[in-house]
Amino acid sequence: MEAAKLEGIAVRQVVKHIADFNTRANNMSTYALFINSVAEYKPNETDISKTGLTAKSVELNAKNADILTAETEHDNTILNRNSILYFNDDNLVDIGLNTKLYVKSAYGSSSVQYKQISGLIFRKLA
């Protein structure tokens, strides 16, 4: 990306801010550590016991890691799709535009074949 910026190519990035869930998971971990350090804390309910809170903290952090992995895979898939559609040498936008030009030159601009595809719009991302 830095190389593209140096060459003057505009680079668009999507920045996702998931600090809210990260903060909650980290707060739960901190809370569980704090509760485990308090000797007098001995509730009767298992879900708020030291073991229960520690297990919940581990579960939240595991789910958070799964979400981050899935988001990374999703973002990489979108980048790959955009590369195929817009940025490769044989991208679909150029193929579509070249096809329209070919049909226009082969059949003429007033032909039925060209009129069928003349309304199609192909655009590259900026």
N, C-alpha and C. Protein backbone atom coordinates (compact mmCIF):
# COMPACT_ATOMS: atom_id res chain seq x y z
N MET A 1 0.81 -1.19 0.00
CA MET A 1 0.00 0.00 0.00
C MET A 1 0.85 1.26 0.00
N GLU A 2 1.94 1.20 0.75
CA GLU A 2 2.82 2.36 0.80
C GLU A 2 3.42 2.64 -0.57
N ALA A 3 3.74 1.58 -1.30
CA ALA A 3 4.32 1.76 -2.64
C ALA A 3 3.33 2.44 -3.56
N ALA A 4 2.06 2.06 -3.45
CA ALA A 4 1.03 2.68 -4.29
C ALA A 4 0.88 4.16 -3.94
N LYS A 5 0.95 4.49 -2.67
CA LYS A 5 0.85 5.89 -2.26
C LYS A 5 2.02 6.70 -2.79
N LEU A 6 3.21 6.10 -2.77
CA LEU A 6 4.39 6.80 -3.27
C LEU A 6 4.30 7.05 -4.77
N GLU A 7 3.64 6.14 -5.48
CA GLU A 7 3.48 6.30 -6.92
C GLU A 7 2.34 7.25 -7.28
N GLY A 8 1.64 7.75 -6.28
CA GLY A 8 0.55 8.69 -6.52
C GLY A 8 -0.78 8.03 -6.80
N ILE A 9 -0.87 6.73 -6.57
CA ILE A 9 -2.12 6.01 -6.78
C ILE A 9 -2.98 6.15 -5.54
N ALA A 10 -4.24 6.54 -5.75
CA ALA A 10 -5.15 6.70 -4.62
C ALA A 10 -5.45 5.33 -4.01
N VAL A 11 -5.32 5.21 -2.72
CA VAL A 11 -5.57 3.96 -2.02
C VAL A 11 -6.71 4.18 -1.05
N ARG A 12 -7.76 3.37 -1.22
CA ARG A 12 -8.90 3.47 -0.31
C ARG A 12 -8.81 2.36 0.71
N GLN A 13 -9.02 2.71 1.96
CA GLN A 13 -8.98 1.73 3.03
C GLN A 13 -10.27 1.82 3.83
N VAL A 14 -10.72 0.67 4.28
CA VAL A 14 -11.86 0.62 5.17
C VAL A 14 -11.31 0.37 6.57
N VAL A 15 -11.62 1.28 7.47
CA VAL A 15 -11.14 1.15 8.84
C VAL A 15 -12.33 0.81 9.72
N LYS A 16 -12.22 -0.31 10.40
CA LYS A 16 -13.30 -0.74 11.29
C LYS A 16 -12.86 -0.53 12.73
N HIS A 17 -13.75 0.00 13.51
CA HIS A 17 -13.44 0.27 14.89
C HIS A 17 -14.26 -0.67 15.76
N ILE A 18 -13.60 -1.68 16.31
CA ILE A 18 -14.30 -2.65 17.14
C ILE A 18 -13.82 -2.58 18.58
N ALA A 19 -13.32 -1.44 18.95
CA ALA A 19 -12.75 -1.29 20.29
C ALA A 19 -13.79 -1.52 21.37
N ASP A 20 -15.05 -1.27 21.08
CA ASP A 20 -16.08 -1.43 22.11
C ASP A 20 -16.13 -2.88 22.61
N PHE A 21 -16.17 -3.84 21.69
CA PHE A 21 -16.22 -5.24 22.13
C PHE A 21 -14.88 -5.66 22.71
N ASN A 22 -13.78 -5.20 22.12
CA ASN A 22 -12.46 -5.50 22.68
C ASN A 22 -12.35 -4.99 24.10
N THR A 23 -12.86 -3.79 24.32
CA THR A 23 -12.83 -3.20 25.66
C THR A 23 -13.64 -4.03 26.63
N ARG A 24 -14.81 -4.47 26.21
CA ARG A 24 -15.65 -5.30 27.09
C ARG A 24 -14.98 -6.62 27.44
N ALA A 25 -14.38 -7.25 26.44
CA ALA A 25 -13.69 -8.52 26.69
C ALA A 25 -12.50 -8.30 27.63
N ASN A 26 -11.75 -7.24 27.39
CA ASN A 26 -10.61 -6.94 28.28
C ASN A 26 -11.07 -6.59 29.69
N ASN A 27 -12.16 -5.85 29.79
CA ASN A 27 -12.69 -5.51 31.11
C ASN A 27 -13.14 -6.77 31.86
N MET A 28 -13.73 -7.70 31.13
CA MET A 28 -14.15 -8.95 31.77
C MET A 28 -12.95 -9.72 32.27
N SER A 29 -11.87 -9.74 31.48
CA SER A 29 -10.65 -10.42 31.92
C SER A 29 -10.07 -9.77 33.16
N THR A 30 -10.04 -8.45 33.16
CA THR A 30 -9.53 -7.72 34.32
C THR A 30 -10.39 -7.96 35.55
N TYR A 31 -11.70 -7.97 35.35
CA TYR A 31 -12.63 -8.21 36.45
C TYR A 31 -12.43 -9.61 37.02
N ALA A 32 -12.30 -10.60 36.13
CA ALA A 32 -12.10 -11.99 36.60
C ALA A 32 -10.79 -12.11 37.38
N LEU A 33 -9.74 -11.44 36.90
CA LEU A 33 -8.46 -11.48 37.63
C LEU A 33 -8.60 -10.83 39.00
N PHE A 34 -9.32 -9.71 39.03
CA PHE A 34 -9.51 -9.02 40.31
C PHE A 34 -10.31 -9.90 41.28
N ILE A 35 -11.40 -10.47 40.80
CA ILE A 35 -12.24 -11.32 41.67
C ILE A 35 -11.44 -12.52 42.18
N ASN A 36 -10.60 -13.09 41.33
CA ASN A 36 -9.78 -14.23 41.77
C ASN A 36 -8.77 -13.84 42.84
N SER A 37 -8.44 -12.56 42.94
CA SER A 37 -7.48 -12.12 43.96
C SER A 37 -8.16 -11.79 45.30
N VAL A 38 -9.48 -11.74 45.31
CA VAL A 38 -10.20 -11.42 46.54
C VAL A 38 -10.61 -12.72 47.24
N ALA A 39 -9.97 -13.00 48.35
CA ALA A 39 -10.21 -14.26 49.06
C ALA A 39 -11.62 -14.35 49.64
N GLU A 40 -12.20 -13.21 50.03
CA GLU A 40 -13.52 -13.21 50.66
C GLU A 40 -14.67 -13.43 49.67
N TYR A 41 -14.41 -13.37 48.38
CA TYR A 41 -15.47 -13.49 47.37
C TYR A 41 -15.81 -14.97 47.19
N LYS A 42 -16.99 -15.38 47.68
CA LYS A 42 -17.42 -16.77 47.61
C LYS A 42 -18.94 -16.83 47.42
N PRO A 43 -19.44 -16.46 46.23
CA PRO A 43 -20.89 -16.51 46.02
C PRO A 43 -21.38 -17.95 45.86
N ASN A 44 -22.67 -18.14 46.10
CA ASN A 44 -23.27 -19.46 45.96
C ASN A 44 -23.61 -19.78 44.50
N GLU A 45 -23.84 -18.76 43.68
CA GLU A 45 -24.22 -18.96 42.29
C GLU A 45 -22.98 -19.31 41.47
N THR A 46 -23.10 -20.36 40.66
CA THR A 46 -21.93 -20.83 39.90
C THR A 46 -21.54 -19.88 38.76
N ASP A 47 -22.53 -19.20 38.17
CA ASP A 47 -22.19 -18.33 37.04
C ASP A 47 -21.43 -17.07 37.45
N ILE A 48 -21.53 -16.68 38.72
CA ILE A 48 -20.76 -15.51 39.17
C ILE A 48 -19.66 -15.91 40.15
N SER A 49 -19.38 -17.20 40.22
CA SER A 49 -18.26 -17.65 41.06
C SER A 49 -16.95 -17.31 40.36
N LYS A 50 -15.85 -17.49 41.06
CA LYS A 50 -14.54 -17.22 40.47
C LYS A 50 -14.34 -18.08 39.22
N THR A 51 -14.70 -19.33 39.30
CA THR A 51 -14.56 -20.24 38.15
C THR A 51 -15.49 -19.83 37.01
N GLY A 52 -16.71 -19.47 37.35
CA GLY A 52 -17.68 -19.06 36.33
C GLY A 52 -17.27 -17.79 35.61
N LEU A 53 -16.79 -16.81 36.37
CA LEU A 53 -16.35 -15.55 35.76
C LEU A 53 -15.10 -15.74 34.90
N THR A 54 -14.19 -16.59 35.36
CA THR A 54 -13.00 -16.88 34.56
C THR A 54 -13.38 -17.59 33.26
N ALA A 55 -14.31 -18.53 33.35
CA ALA A 55 -14.77 -19.25 32.15
C ALA A 55 -15.45 -18.29 31.19
N LYS A 56 -16.25 -17.38 31.71
CA LYS A 56 -16.93 -16.40 30.85
C LYS A 56 -15.90 -15.49 30.18
N SER A 57 -14.88 -15.10 30.90
CA SER A 57 -13.83 -14.26 30.33
C SER A 57 -13.10 -14.99 29.19
N VAL A 58 -12.77 -16.25 29.40
CA VAL A 58 -12.11 -17.05 28.37
C VAL A 58 -13.02 -17.19 27.15
N GLU A 59 -14.31 -17.42 27.39
CA GLU A 59 -15.28 -17.57 26.30
C GLU A 59 -15.39 -16.28 25.47
N LEU A 60 -15.49 -15.13 26.16
CA LEU A 60 -15.58 -13.86 25.45
C LEU A 60 -14.34 -13.57 24.62
N ASN A 61 -13.17 -13.84 25.17
CA ASN A 61 -11.94 -13.59 24.43
C ASN A 61 -11.81 -14.54 23.23
N ALA A 62 -12.27 -15.78 23.38
CA ALA A 62 -12.24 -16.72 22.25
C ALA A 62 -13.19 -16.27 21.15
N LYS A 63 -14.39 -15.82 21.53
CA LYS A 63 -15.34 -15.33 20.54
C LYS A 63 -14.81 -14.07 19.86
N ASN A 64 -14.17 -13.21 20.60
CA ASN A 64 -13.59 -12.01 20.03
C ASN A 64 -12.51 -12.37 19.00
N ALA A 65 -11.68 -13.34 19.33
CA ALA A 65 -10.64 -13.79 18.39
C ALA A 65 -11.27 -14.38 17.13
N ASP A 66 -12.37 -15.13 17.29
CA ASP A 66 -13.07 -15.70 16.13
C ASP A 66 -13.62 -14.60 15.24
N ILE A 67 -14.17 -13.57 15.84
CA ILE A 67 -14.72 -12.44 15.07
C ILE A 67 -13.61 -11.73 14.31
N LEU A 68 -12.50 -11.49 14.96
CA LEU A 68 -11.38 -10.82 14.29
C LEU A 68 -10.86 -11.65 13.12
N THR A 69 -10.79 -12.96 13.30
CA THR A 69 -10.36 -13.85 12.22
C THR A 69 -11.34 -13.80 11.06
N ALA A 70 -12.64 -13.87 11.36
CA ALA A 70 -13.66 -13.84 10.31
C ALA A 70 -13.64 -12.50 9.57
N GLU A 71 -13.47 -11.40 10.29
CA GLU A 71 -13.43 -10.09 9.65
C GLU A 71 -12.21 -9.96 8.74
N THR A 72 -11.09 -10.49 9.18
CA THR A 72 -9.89 -10.45 8.36
C THR A 72 -10.08 -11.25 7.08
N GLU A 73 -10.66 -12.45 7.20
CA GLU A 73 -10.94 -13.27 6.02
C GLU A 73 -11.91 -12.56 5.08
N HIS A 74 -12.93 -11.93 5.64
CA HIS A 74 -13.90 -11.20 4.83
C HIS A 74 -13.24 -10.05 4.09
N ASP A 75 -12.44 -9.27 4.79
CA ASP A 75 -11.76 -8.13 4.17
C ASP A 75 -10.82 -8.59 3.06
N ASN A 76 -10.10 -9.70 3.29
CA ASN A 76 -9.20 -10.22 2.26
C ASN A 76 -9.98 -10.71 1.04
N THR A 77 -11.14 -11.29 1.27
CA THR A 77 -11.98 -11.75 0.16
C THR A 77 -12.47 -10.57 -0.66
N ILE A 78 -12.86 -9.49 -0.01
CA ILE A 78 -13.30 -8.28 -0.72
C ILE A 78 -12.15 -7.70 -1.54
N LEU A 79 -10.96 -7.66 -0.97
CA LEU A 79 -9.80 -7.16 -1.70
C LEU A 79 -9.50 -8.01 -2.93
N ASN A 80 -9.59 -9.33 -2.78
CA ASN A 80 -9.38 -10.23 -3.91
C ASN A 80 -10.44 -10.04 -4.99
N ARG A 81 -11.69 -9.88 -4.57
CA ARG A 81 -12.77 -9.65 -5.52
C ARG A 81 -12.54 -8.35 -6.29
N ASN A 82 -12.20 -7.29 -5.59
CA ASN A 82 -11.96 -6.01 -6.24
C ASN A 82 -10.78 -6.09 -7.19
N SER A 83 -9.78 -6.85 -6.83
CA SER A 83 -8.64 -7.02 -7.71
C SER A 83 -9.06 -7.69 -9.02
N ILE A 84 -9.88 -8.72 -8.92
CA ILE A 84 -10.36 -9.42 -10.12
C ILE A 84 -11.27 -8.52 -10.94
N LEU A 85 -12.16 -7.82 -10.29
CA LEU A 85 -13.12 -7.00 -11.02
C LEU A 85 -12.52 -5.75 -11.62
N TYR A 86 -11.57 -5.13 -10.94
CA TYR A 86 -11.15 -3.79 -11.31
C TYR A 86 -9.67 -3.60 -11.62
N PHE A 87 -8.77 -4.35 -11.03
CA PHE A 87 -7.37 -3.97 -11.07
C PHE A 87 -6.45 -4.91 -11.83
N ASN A 88 -6.82 -6.15 -12.07
CA ASN A 88 -5.97 -7.06 -12.85
C ASN A 88 -5.87 -6.58 -14.29
N ASP A 89 -4.88 -7.11 -15.00
CA ASP A 89 -4.73 -6.76 -16.42
C ASP A 89 -5.93 -7.21 -17.24
N ASP A 90 -6.52 -8.33 -16.85
CA ASP A 90 -7.68 -8.86 -17.57
C ASP A 90 -8.95 -8.72 -16.72
N ASN A 91 -9.15 -7.54 -16.14
CA ASN A 91 -10.28 -7.35 -15.24
C ASN A 91 -11.60 -7.33 -16.01
N LEU A 92 -12.68 -7.60 -15.29
CA LEU A 92 -13.98 -7.73 -15.92
C LEU A 92 -14.51 -6.42 -16.50
N VAL A 93 -14.14 -5.31 -15.92
CA VAL A 93 -14.59 -4.01 -16.44
C VAL A 93 -14.01 -3.78 -17.83
N ASP A 94 -12.71 -4.01 -17.98
CA ASP A 94 -12.08 -3.83 -19.30
C ASP A 94 -12.64 -4.82 -20.32
N ILE A 95 -12.88 -6.05 -19.89
CA ILE A 95 -13.46 -7.05 -20.79
C ILE A 95 -14.84 -6.59 -21.27
N GLY A 96 -15.66 -6.09 -20.35
CA GLY A 96 -16.99 -5.60 -20.72
C GLY A 96 -16.92 -4.43 -21.68
N LEU A 97 -16.04 -3.48 -21.41
CA LEU A 97 -15.90 -2.31 -22.30
C LEU A 97 -15.39 -2.72 -23.68
N ASN A 98 -14.43 -3.62 -23.70
CA ASN A 98 -13.89 -4.09 -24.98
C ASN A 98 -14.94 -4.88 -25.77
N THR A 99 -15.77 -5.62 -25.06
CA THR A 99 -16.84 -6.36 -25.72
C THR A 99 -17.84 -5.42 -26.37
N LYS A 100 -18.19 -4.36 -25.66
CA LYS A 100 -19.10 -3.37 -26.24
C LYS A 100 -18.49 -2.74 -27.50
N LEU A 101 -17.21 -2.41 -27.43
CA LEU A 101 -16.55 -1.84 -28.60
C LEU A 101 -16.51 -2.82 -29.77
N TYR A 102 -16.26 -4.08 -29.48
CA TYR A 102 -16.21 -5.09 -30.53
C TYR A 102 -17.58 -5.24 -31.21
N VAL A 103 -18.63 -5.35 -30.40
CA VAL A 103 -19.98 -5.51 -30.96
C VAL A 103 -20.34 -4.28 -31.79
N LYS A 104 -19.97 -3.11 -31.33
CA LYS A 104 -20.25 -1.88 -32.07
C LYS A 104 -19.51 -1.87 -33.41
N SER A 105 -18.24 -2.29 -33.40
CA SER A 105 -17.47 -2.28 -34.65
C SER A 105 -17.90 -3.41 -35.58
N ALA A 106 -18.29 -4.56 -35.04
CA ALA A 106 -18.66 -5.70 -35.88
C ALA A 106 -20.05 -5.55 -36.48
N TYR A 107 -21.00 -5.01 -35.71
CA TYR A 107 -22.39 -4.95 -36.17
C TYR A 107 -22.88 -3.54 -36.48
N GLY A 108 -22.16 -2.54 -36.00
CA GLY A 108 -22.57 -1.17 -36.22
C GLY A 108 -23.32 -0.62 -35.02
N SER A 109 -23.28 0.70 -34.88
CA SER A 109 -23.88 1.34 -33.71
C SER A 109 -25.40 1.35 -33.73
N SER A 110 -26.01 1.09 -34.89
CA SER A 110 -27.47 1.08 -34.96
C SER A 110 -28.03 -0.34 -35.02
N SER A 111 -27.19 -1.34 -34.83
CA SER A 111 -27.64 -2.73 -34.91
C SER A 111 -28.41 -3.14 -33.65
N VAL A 112 -29.21 -4.16 -33.81
CA VAL A 112 -29.98 -4.71 -32.68
C VAL A 112 -29.02 -5.26 -31.62
N GLN A 113 -27.96 -5.92 -32.06
CA GLN A 113 -26.99 -6.51 -31.12
C GLN A 113 -26.35 -5.43 -30.25
N TYR A 114 -25.95 -4.32 -30.85
CA TYR A 114 -25.32 -3.27 -30.07
C TYR A 114 -26.33 -2.57 -29.16
N LYS A 115 -27.53 -2.37 -29.65
CA LYS A 115 -28.55 -1.71 -28.83
C LYS A 115 -28.88 -2.53 -27.59
N GLN A 116 -28.76 -3.86 -27.68
CA GLN A 116 -29.02 -4.71 -26.52
C GLN A 116 -28.00 -4.50 -25.40
N ILE A 117 -26.78 -4.16 -25.75
CA ILE A 117 -25.74 -4.01 -24.72
C ILE A 117 -25.28 -2.58 -24.52
N SER A 118 -25.75 -1.66 -25.33
CA SER A 118 -25.25 -0.28 -25.25
C SER A 118 -25.59 0.39 -23.92
N GLY A 119 -26.63 -0.04 -23.27
CA GLY A 119 -27.03 0.57 -22.00
C GLY A 119 -26.24 0.07 -20.80
N LEU A 120 -25.44 -0.99 -20.99
CA LEU A 120 -24.65 -1.52 -19.88
C LEU A 120 -23.54 -0.53 -19.52
N ILE A 121 -23.38 -0.29 -18.24
CA ILE A 121 -22.38 0.65 -17.77
C ILE A 121 -21.31 -0.11 -16.97
N PHE A 122 -20.07 0.11 -17.35
CA PHE A 122 -18.94 -0.50 -16.65
C PHE A 122 -18.07 0.62 -16.10
N ARG A 123 -17.80 0.58 -14.78
CA ARG A 123 -17.01 1.62 -14.15
C ARG A 123 -15.96 0.98 -13.24
N LYS A 124 -14.79 1.58 -13.24
CA LYS A 124 -13.75 1.15 -12.32
C LYS A 124 -13.86 1.95 -11.04
N LEU A 125 -13.43 1.36 -9.96
CA LEU A 125 -13.39 2.07 -8.69
C LEU A 125 -12.34 3.17 -8.79
N ALA A 126 -12.61 4.27 -8.13
CA ALA A 126 -11.65 5.38 -8.15
C ALA A 126 -10.47 5.07 -7.28
